[in-house]
Amino acid sequence: MEEAEIWFKLQTVELEASIPTPQIAGKPLTWTKPAAGFVKCNVACSWSEASNTCGGAWLARDSNGKALCHSRRRFSGISSLRQAEQITL
């Protein structure tokens, strides 16, 4: 098997049957699709005060929910949640 093919297979995430639905204030989070012909980009970040690091990610999807492109990154030396949000954008 070619090295690239092996690498791609190792990157596949196997989903478990019972993944909890994320919630805010007891209400499940849902994704709302954009109008036909439009693309929606969702951005998220998390920050650790203990390690002064944050992680940021974005995902662009079409009106059918198909992922078009995405990225994620870790940043160090981040001293606040506001800074984490700004650097993620």
PDB file of N, CA and C in Angstrom:
ATOM      1  N   MET A   1       0.845  -1.168   0.000  1.00  0.00           N
ATOM      2  CA  MET A   1       0.000   0.000   0.000  1.00  0.00           C
ATOM      3  C   MET A   1       0.899   1.243   0.000  1.00  0.00           C
ATOM      4  N   GLU A   2       0.525   2.230  -0.781  1.00  0.00           N
ATOM      5  CA  GLU A   2       1.310   3.446  -0.894  1.00  0.00           C
ATOM      6  C   GLU A   2       1.263   4.237   0.423  1.00  0.00           C
ATOM      7  N   GLU A   3       2.351   4.918   0.761  1.00  0.00           N
ATOM      8  CA  GLU A   3       2.434   5.649   2.030  1.00  0.00           C
ATOM      9  C   GLU A   3       1.314   6.667   2.192  1.00  0.00           C
ATOM     10  N   ALA A   4       0.998   7.407   1.137  1.00  0.00           N
ATOM     11  CA  ALA A   4      -0.066   8.412   1.224  1.00  0.00           C
ATOM     12  C   ALA A   4      -1.410   7.758   1.520  1.00  0.00           C
ATOM     13  N   GLU A   5      -1.671   6.624   0.915  1.00  0.00           N
ATOM     14  CA  GLU A   5      -2.926   5.906   1.144  1.00  0.00           C
ATOM     15  C   GLU A   5      -3.022   5.442   2.599  1.00  0.00           C
ATOM     16  N   ILE A   6      -1.922   4.954   3.130  1.00  0.00           N
ATOM     17  CA  ILE A   6      -1.887   4.531   4.535  1.00  0.00           C
ATOM     18  C   ILE A   6      -2.151   5.732   5.439  1.00  0.00           C
ATOM     19  N   TRP A   7      -1.511   6.866   5.138  1.00  0.00           N
ATOM     20  CA  TRP A   7      -1.687   8.067   5.944  1.00  0.00           C
ATOM     21  C   TRP A   7      -3.152   8.494   5.952  1.00  0.00           C
ATOM     22  N   PHE A   8      -3.804   8.525   4.774  1.00  0.00           N
ATOM     23  CA  PHE A   8      -5.208   8.926   4.705  1.00  0.00           C
ATOM     24  C   PHE A   8      -6.099   7.983   5.501  1.00  0.00           C
ATOM     25  N   LYS A   9      -5.826   6.695   5.447  1.00  0.00           N
ATOM     26  CA  LYS A   9      -6.629   5.739   6.212  1.00  0.00           C
ATOM     27  C   LYS A   9      -6.465   5.969   7.712  1.00  0.00           C
ATOM     28  N   LEU A  10      -5.272   6.346   8.139  1.00  0.00           N
ATOM     29  CA  LEU A  10      -5.032   6.605   9.558  1.00  0.00           C
ATOM     30  C   LEU A  10      -5.712   7.886  10.035  1.00  0.00           C
ATOM     31  N   GLN A  11      -6.024   8.791   9.109  1.00  0.00           N
ATOM     32  CA  GLN A  11      -6.669  10.049   9.477  1.00  0.00           C
ATOM     33  C   GLN A  11      -8.179   9.912   9.615  1.00  0.00           C
ATOM     34  N   THR A  12      -8.740   8.803   9.188  1.00  0.00           N
ATOM     35  CA  THR A  12     -10.179   8.583   9.255  1.00  0.00           C
ATOM     36  C   THR A  12     -10.618   8.448  10.707  1.00  0.00           C
ATOM     37  N   VAL A  13     -11.646   9.198  11.056  1.00  0.00           N
ATOM     38  CA  VAL A  13     -12.179   9.150  12.411  1.00  0.00           C
ATOM     39  C   VAL A  13     -13.377   8.213  12.422  1.00  0.00           C
ATOM     40  N   GLU A  14     -13.339   7.244  13.300  1.00  0.00           N
ATOM     41  CA  GLU A  14     -14.462   6.333  13.453  1.00  0.00           C
ATOM     42  C   GLU A  14     -15.388   6.912  14.512  1.00  0.00           C
ATOM     43  N   LEU A  15     -16.641   7.150  14.146  1.00  0.00           N
ATOM     44  CA  LEU A  15     -17.607   7.726  15.070  1.00  0.00           C
ATOM     45  C   LEU A  15     -18.264   6.647  15.909  1.00  0.00           C
ATOM     46  N   GLU A  16     -18.416   6.939  17.189  1.00  0.00           N
ATOM     47  CA  GLU A  16     -19.109   6.016  18.074  1.00  0.00           C
ATOM     48  C   GLU A  16     -20.610   6.245  17.945  1.00  0.00           C
ATOM     49  N   ALA A  17     -21.384   5.216  18.222  1.00  0.00           N
ATOM     50  CA  ALA A  17     -22.839   5.284  18.079  1.00  0.00           C
ATOM     51  C   ALA A  17     -23.479   6.266  19.048  1.00  0.00           C
ATOM     52  N   SER A  18     -22.893   6.471  20.215  1.00  0.00           N
ATOM     53  CA  SER A  18     -23.536   7.312  21.226  1.00  0.00           C
ATOM     54  C   SER A  18     -22.741   8.572  21.530  1.00  0.00           C
ATOM     55  N   ILE A  19     -22.599   9.429  20.541  1.00  0.00           N
ATOM     56  CA  ILE A  19     -21.924  10.709  20.746  1.00  0.00           C
ATOM     57  C   ILE A  19     -22.958  11.696  21.280  1.00  0.00           C
ATOM     58  N   PRO A  20     -22.702  12.308  22.433  1.00  0.00           N
ATOM     59  CA  PRO A  20     -23.691  13.233  22.989  1.00  0.00           C
ATOM     60  C   PRO A  20     -23.829  14.481  22.123  1.00  0.00           C
ATOM     61  N   THR A  21     -25.042  15.016  22.062  1.00  0.00           N
ATOM     62  CA  THR A  21     -25.301  16.232  21.310  1.00  0.00           C
ATOM     63  C   THR A  21     -24.845  17.423  22.141  1.00  0.00           C
ATOM     64  N   PRO A  22     -24.005  18.307  21.575  1.00  0.00           N
ATOM     65  CA  PRO A  22     -23.577  19.495  22.323  1.00  0.00           C
ATOM     66  C   PRO A  22     -24.794  20.339  22.709  1.00  0.00           C
ATOM     67  N   GLN A  23     -24.741  20.951  23.887  1.00  0.00           N
ATOM     68  CA  GLN A  23     -25.864  21.747  24.365  1.00  0.00           C
ATOM     69  C   GLN A  23     -25.381  23.047  24.983  1.00  0.00           C
ATOM     70  N   ILE A  24     -26.231  24.053  24.893  1.00  0.00           N
ATOM     71  CA  ILE A  24     -26.016  25.321  25.591  1.00  0.00           C
ATOM     72  C   ILE A  24     -27.304  25.605  26.354  1.00  0.00           C
ATOM     73  N   ALA A  25     -27.182  25.838  27.649  1.00  0.00           N
ATOM     74  CA  ALA A  25     -28.328  26.104  28.526  1.00  0.00           C
ATOM     75  C   ALA A  25     -29.397  25.029  28.376  1.00  0.00           C
ATOM     76  N   GLY A  26     -28.967  23.770  28.244  1.00  0.00           N
ATOM     77  CA  GLY A  26     -29.903  22.657  28.174  1.00  0.00           C
ATOM     78  C   GLY A  26     -30.569  22.451  26.830  1.00  0.00           C
ATOM     79  N   LYS A  27     -30.257  23.296  25.842  1.00  0.00           N
ATOM     80  CA  LYS A  27     -30.857  23.168  24.512  1.00  0.00           C
ATOM     81  C   LYS A  27     -29.817  22.612  23.545  1.00  0.00           C
ATOM     82  N   PRO A  28     -30.191  21.606  22.733  1.00  0.00           N
ATOM     83  CA  PRO A  28     -29.229  21.041  21.779  1.00  0.00           C
ATOM     84  C   PRO A  28     -28.803  22.074  20.733  1.00  0.00           C
ATOM     85  N   LEU A  29     -27.531  22.046  20.375  1.00  0.00           N
ATOM     86  CA  LEU A  29     -27.038  22.911  19.305  1.00  0.00           C
ATOM     87  C   LEU A  29     -27.391  22.279  17.967  1.00  0.00           C
ATOM     88  N   THR A  30     -27.848  23.074  17.041  1.00  0.00           N
ATOM     89  CA  THR A  30     -28.148  22.568  15.701  1.00  0.00           C
ATOM     90  C   THR A  30     -27.480  23.470  14.676  1.00  0.00           C
ATOM     91  N   TRP A  31     -27.180  22.895  13.529  1.00  0.00           N
ATOM     92  CA  TRP A  31     -26.583  23.658  12.447  1.00  0.00           C
ATOM     93  C   TRP A  31     -27.684  24.081  11.496  1.00  0.00           C
ATOM     94  N   THR A  32     -27.719  25.353  11.147  1.00  0.00           N
ATOM     95  CA  THR A  32     -28.699  25.870  10.200  1.00  0.00           C
ATOM     96  C   THR A  32     -28.012  26.087   8.869  1.00  0.00           C
ATOM     97  N   LYS A  33     -28.535  25.459   7.831  1.00  0.00           N
ATOM     98  CA  LYS A  33     -27.894  25.563   6.519  1.00  0.00           C
ATOM     99  C   LYS A  33     -28.128  26.936   5.900  1.00  0.00           C
ATOM    100  N   PRO A  34     -27.195  27.375   5.048  1.00  0.00           N
ATOM    101  CA  PRO A  34     -27.375  28.646   4.347  1.00  0.00           C
ATOM    102  C   PRO A  34     -28.363  28.466   3.191  1.00  0.00           C
ATOM    103  N   ALA A  35     -28.783  29.567   2.619  1.00  0.00           N
ATOM    104  CA  ALA A  35     -29.671  29.520   1.453  1.00  0.00           C
ATOM    105  C   ALA A  35     -28.959  28.834   0.288  1.00  0.00           C
ATOM    106  N   ALA A  36     -29.737  28.285  -0.622  1.00  0.00           N
ATOM    107  CA  ALA A  36     -29.175  27.602  -1.796  1.00  0.00           C
ATOM    108  C   ALA A  36     -28.213  28.536  -2.534  1.00  0.00           C
ATOM    109  N   GLY A  37     -27.059  27.993  -2.907  1.00  0.00           N
ATOM    110  CA  GLY A  37     -26.058  28.763  -3.626  1.00  0.00           C
ATOM    111  C   GLY A  37     -25.087  29.522  -2.730  1.00  0.00           C
ATOM    112  N   PHE A  38     -25.303  29.472  -1.418  1.00  0.00           N
ATOM    113  CA  PHE A  38     -24.422  30.159  -0.481  1.00  0.00           C
ATOM    114  C   PHE A  38     -23.571  29.154   0.288  1.00  0.00           C
ATOM    115  N   VAL A  39     -22.514  29.650   0.892  1.00  0.00           N
ATOM    116  CA  VAL A  39     -21.619  28.843   1.722  1.00  0.00           C
ATOM    117  C   VAL A  39     -21.627  29.443   3.121  1.00  0.00           C
ATOM    118  N   LYS A  40     -21.597  28.587   4.129  1.00  0.00           N
ATOM    119  CA  LYS A  40     -21.561  29.043   5.520  1.00  0.00           C
ATOM    120  C   LYS A  40     -20.260  28.578   6.153  1.00  0.00           C
ATOM    121  N   CYS A  41     -19.603  29.482   6.869  1.00  0.00           N
ATOM    122  CA  CYS A  41     -18.349  29.156   7.544  1.00  0.00           C
ATOM    123  C   CYS A  41     -18.548  29.289   9.048  1.00  0.00           C
ATOM    124  N   ASN A  42     -18.392  28.184   9.769  1.00  0.00           N
ATOM    125  CA  ASN A  42     -18.485  28.184  11.225  1.00  0.00           C
ATOM    126  C   ASN A  42     -17.077  28.219  11.806  1.00  0.00           C
ATOM    127  N   VAL A  43     -16.895  29.026  12.842  1.00  0.00           N
ATOM    128  CA  VAL A  43     -15.599  29.193  13.494  1.00  0.00           C
ATOM    129  C   VAL A  43     -15.772  28.927  14.987  1.00  0.00           C
ATOM    130  N   ALA A  44     -14.796  28.264  15.588  1.00  0.00           N
ATOM    131  CA  ALA A  44     -14.855  27.993  17.025  1.00  0.00           C
ATOM    132  C   ALA A  44     -13.453  28.045  17.617  1.00  0.00           C
ATOM    133  N   CYS A  45     -13.397  28.326  18.924  1.00  0.00           N
ATOM    134  CA  CYS A  45     -12.110  28.295  19.611  1.00  0.00           C
ATOM    135  C   CYS A  45     -12.304  27.842  21.046  1.00  0.00           C
ATOM    136  N   SER A  46     -11.227  27.392  21.634  1.00  0.00           N
ATOM    137  CA  SER A  46     -11.212  27.075  23.060  1.00  0.00           C
ATOM    138  C   SER A  46      -9.894  27.599  23.616  1.00  0.00           C
ATOM    139  N   TRP A  47      -9.913  27.999  24.897  1.00  0.00           N
ATOM    140  CA  TRP A  47      -8.732  28.605  25.504  1.00  0.00           C
ATOM    141  C   TRP A  47      -8.450  27.964  26.846  1.00  0.00           C
ATOM    142  N   SER A  48      -7.187  27.726  27.136  1.00  0.00           N
ATOM    143  CA  SER A  48      -6.766  27.193  28.427  1.00  0.00           C
ATOM    144  C   SER A  48      -5.952  28.252  29.158  1.00  0.00           C
ATOM    145  N   GLU A  49      -6.509  28.757  30.238  1.00  0.00           N
ATOM    146  CA  GLU A  49      -5.793  29.750  31.043  1.00  0.00           C
ATOM    147  C   GLU A  49      -4.557  29.125  31.686  1.00  0.00           C
ATOM    148  N   ALA A  50      -4.665  27.856  32.070  1.00  0.00           N
ATOM    149  CA  ALA A  50      -3.563  27.169  32.747  1.00  0.00           C
ATOM    150  C   ALA A  50      -2.318  27.074  31.873  1.00  0.00           C
ATOM    151  N   SER A  51      -2.503  26.835  30.576  1.00  0.00           N
ATOM    152  CA  SER A  51      -1.343  26.671  29.690  1.00  0.00           C
ATOM    153  C   SER A  51      -1.150  27.834  28.722  1.00  0.00           C
ATOM    154  N   ASN A  52      -2.021  28.850  28.797  1.00  0.00           N
ATOM    155  CA  ASN A  52      -1.969  29.989  27.869  1.00  0.00           C
ATOM    156  C   ASN A  52      -1.915  29.536  26.418  1.00  0.00           C
ATOM    157  N   THR A  53      -2.755  28.562  26.094  1.00  0.00           N
ATOM    158  CA  THR A  53      -2.861  28.085  24.714  1.00  0.00           C
ATOM    159  C   THR A  53      -4.322  28.105  24.290  1.00  0.00           C
ATOM    160  N   CYS A  54      -4.535  28.093  22.986  1.00  0.00           N
ATOM    161  CA  CYS A  54      -5.894  27.978  22.481  1.00  0.00           C
ATOM    162  C   CYS A  54      -5.873  27.143  21.210  1.00  0.00           C
ATOM    163  N   GLY A  55      -7.033  26.655  20.875  1.00  0.00           N
ATOM    164  CA  GLY A  55      -7.212  25.937  19.630  1.00  0.00           C
ATOM    165  C   GLY A  55      -8.306  26.629  18.851  1.00  0.00           C
ATOM    166  N   GLY A  56      -8.114  26.744  17.564  1.00  0.00           N
ATOM    167  CA  GLY A  56      -9.121  27.368  16.714  1.00  0.00           C
ATOM    168  C   GLY A  56      -9.404  26.480  15.518  1.00  0.00           C
ATOM    169  N   ALA A  57     -10.634  26.538  15.034  1.00  0.00           N
ATOM    170  CA  ALA A  57     -11.006  25.733  13.872  1.00  0.00           C
ATOM    171  C   ALA A  57     -12.098  26.440  13.089  1.00  0.00           C
ATOM    172  N   TRP A  58     -12.161  26.147  11.795  1.00  0.00           N
ATOM    173  CA  TRP A  58     -13.257  26.636  10.965  1.00  0.00           C
ATOM    174  C   TRP A  58     -13.653  25.558   9.976  1.00  0.00           C
ATOM    175  N   LEU A  59     -14.905  25.634   9.532  1.00  0.00           N
ATOM    176  CA  LEU A  59     -15.456  24.661   8.597  1.00  0.00           C
ATOM    177  C   LEU A  59     -16.423  25.376   7.674  1.00  0.00           C
ATOM    178  N   ALA A  60     -16.193  25.285   6.369  1.00  0.00           N
ATOM    179  CA  ALA A  60     -17.090  25.872   5.374  1.00  0.00           C
ATOM    180  C   ALA A  60     -17.922  24.760   4.749  1.00  0.00           C
ATOM    181  N   ARG A  61     -19.256  24.962   4.739  1.00  0.00           N
ATOM    182  CA  ARG A  61     -20.167  23.967   4.170  1.00  0.00           C
ATOM    183  C   ARG A  61     -21.139  24.635   3.207  1.00  0.00           C
ATOM    184  N   ASP A  62     -21.576  23.851   2.213  1.00  0.00           N
ATOM    185  CA  ASP A  62     -22.572  24.356   1.271  1.00  0.00           C
ATOM    186  C   ASP A  62     -23.976  24.175   1.838  1.00  0.00           C
ATOM    187  N   SER A  63     -24.990  24.529   1.047  1.00  0.00           N
ATOM    188  CA  SER A  63     -26.371  24.477   1.533  1.00  0.00           C
ATOM    189  C   SER A  63     -26.896  23.059   1.731  1.00  0.00           C
ATOM    190  N   ASN A  64     -26.143  22.056   1.292  1.00  0.00           N
ATOM    191  CA  ASN A  64     -26.503  20.658   1.545  1.00  0.00           C
ATOM    192  C   ASN A  64     -25.790  20.101   2.773  1.00  0.00           C
ATOM    193  N   GLY A  65     -24.931  20.912   3.389  1.00  0.00           N
ATOM    194  CA  GLY A  65     -24.177  20.467   4.557  1.00  0.00           C
ATOM    195  C   GLY A  65     -22.864  19.801   4.201  1.00  0.00           C
ATOM    196  N   LYS A  66     -22.520  19.772   2.909  1.00  0.00           N
ATOM    197  CA  LYS A  66     -21.266  19.141   2.476  1.00  0.00           C
ATOM    198  C   LYS A  66     -20.083  20.028   2.868  1.00  0.00           C
ATOM    199  N   ALA A  67     -19.104  19.435   3.558  1.00  0.00           N
ATOM    200  CA  ALA A  67     -17.899  20.175   3.942  1.00  0.00           C
ATOM    201  C   ALA A  67     -17.080  20.489   2.697  1.00  0.00           C
ATOM    202  N   LEU A  68     -16.759  21.753   2.507  1.00  0.00           N
ATOM    203  CA  LEU A  68     -15.985  22.184   1.343  1.00  0.00           C
ATOM    204  C   LEU A  68     -14.507  22.330   1.687  1.00  0.00           C
ATOM    205  N   CYS A  69     -14.218  22.892   2.854  1.00  0.00           N
ATOM    206  CA  CYS A  69     -12.841  23.010   3.331  1.00  0.00           C
ATOM    207  C   CYS A  69     -12.871  23.317   4.828  1.00  0.00           C
ATOM    208  N   HIS A  70     -11.760  23.036   5.478  1.00  0.00           N
ATOM    209  CA  HIS A  70     -11.687  23.231   6.923  1.00  0.00           C
ATOM    210  C   HIS A  70     -10.233  23.348   7.342  1.00  0.00           C
ATOM    211  N   SER A  71     -10.040  23.821   8.563  1.00  0.00           N
ATOM    212  CA  SER A  71      -8.692  23.894   9.110  1.00  0.00           C
ATOM    213  C   SER A  71      -8.784  24.003  10.627  1.00  0.00           C
ATOM    214  N   ARG A  72      -7.694  23.667  11.292  1.00  0.00           N
ATOM    215  CA  ARG A  72      -7.604  23.815  12.744  1.00  0.00           C
ATOM    216  C   ARG A  72      -6.155  24.127  13.090  1.00  0.00           C
ATOM    217  N   ARG A  73      -5.972  24.786  14.230  1.00  0.00           N
ATOM    218  CA  ARG A  73      -4.616  25.167  14.622  1.00  0.00           C
ATOM    219  C   ARG A  73      -4.558  25.419  16.119  1.00  0.00           C
ATOM    220  N   ARG A  74      -3.389  25.190  16.690  1.00  0.00           N
ATOM    221  CA  ARG A  74      -3.116  25.476  18.099  1.00  0.00           C
ATOM    222  C   ARG A  74      -2.222  26.707  18.157  1.00  0.00           C
ATOM    223  N   PHE A  75      -2.503  27.583  19.115  1.00  0.00           N
ATOM    224  CA  PHE A  75      -1.705  28.792  19.318  1.00  0.00           C
ATOM    225  C   PHE A  75      -1.195  28.807  20.757  1.00  0.00           C
ATOM    226  N   SER A  76       0.015  29.303  20.967  1.00  0.00           N
ATOM    227  CA  SER A  76       0.560  29.406  22.324  1.00  0.00           C
ATOM    228  C   SER A  76       0.781  30.877  22.666  1.00  0.00           C
ATOM    229  N   GLY A  77       0.956  31.149  23.965  1.00  0.00           N
ATOM    230  CA  GLY A  77       1.171  32.526  24.414  1.00  0.00           C
ATOM    231  C   GLY A  77      -0.102  33.357  24.386  1.00  0.00           C
ATOM    232  N   ILE A  78      -1.253  32.717  24.538  1.00  0.00           N
ATOM    233  CA  ILE A  78      -2.544  33.407  24.491  1.00  0.00           C
ATOM    234  C   ILE A  78      -3.002  33.678  25.926  1.00  0.00           C
ATOM    235  N   SER A  79      -3.163  34.963  26.283  1.00  0.00           N
ATOM    236  CA  SER A  79      -3.406  35.318  27.682  1.00  0.00           C
ATOM    237  C   SER A  79      -4.869  35.547  28.054  1.00  0.00           C
ATOM    238  N   SER A  80      -5.782  35.480  27.087  1.00  0.00           N
ATOM    239  CA  SER A  80      -7.196  35.688  27.422  1.00  0.00           C
ATOM    240  C   SER A  80      -8.096  35.025  26.386  1.00  0.00           C
ATOM    241  N   LEU A  81      -9.349  34.824  26.777  1.00  0.00           N
ATOM    242  CA  LEU A  81     -10.326  34.262  25.844  1.00  0.00           C
ATOM    243  C   LEU A  81     -10.546  35.212  24.676  1.00  0.00           C
ATOM    244  N   ARG A  82     -10.580  36.509  24.965  1.00  0.00           N
ATOM    245  CA  ARG A  82     -10.768  37.499  23.889  1.00  0.00           C
ATOM    246  C   ARG A  82      -9.636  37.405  22.863  1.00  0.00           C
ATOM    247  N   GLN A  83      -8.409  37.276  23.330  1.00  0.00           N
ATOM    248  CA  GLN A  83      -7.271  37.132  22.425  1.00  0.00           C
ATOM    249  C   GLN A  83      -7.397  35.836  21.630  1.00  0.00           C
ATOM    250  N   ALA A  84      -7.853  34.763  22.275  1.00  0.00           N
ATOM    251  CA  ALA A  84      -8.047  33.483  21.590  1.00  0.00           C
ATOM    252  C   ALA A  84      -9.075  33.626  20.477  1.00  0.00           C
ATOM    253  N   GLU A  85     -10.183  34.318  20.772  1.00  0.00           N
ATOM    254  CA  GLU A  85     -11.224  34.520  19.761  1.00  0.00           C
ATOM    255  C   GLU A  85     -10.705  35.357  18.601  1.00  0.00           C
ATOM    256  N   GLN A  86      -9.938  36.393  18.899  1.00  0.00           N
ATOM    257  CA  GLN A  86      -9.414  37.266  17.850  1.00  0.00           C
ATOM    258  C   GLN A  86      -8.409  36.547  16.963  1.00  0.00           C
ATOM    259  N   ILE A  87      -7.507  35.786  17.564  1.00  0.00           N
ATOM    260  CA  ILE A  87      -6.487  35.109  16.764  1.00  0.00           C
ATOM    261  C   ILE A  87      -7.097  33.985  15.930  1.00  0.00           C
ATOM    262  N   THR A  88      -8.182  33.385  16.440  1.00  0.00           N
ATOM    263  CA  THR A  88      -8.856  32.331  15.685  1.00  0.00           C
ATOM    264  C   THR A  88      -9.503  32.895  14.428  1.00  0.00           C
ATOM    265  N   LEU A  89     -10.073  34.094  14.539  1.00  0.00           N
ATOM    266  CA  LEU A  89     -10.680  34.717  13.360  1.00  0.00           C
ATOM    267  C   LEU A  89      -9.616  35.177  12.389  1.00  0.00           C
TER     268      LEU A  89
END
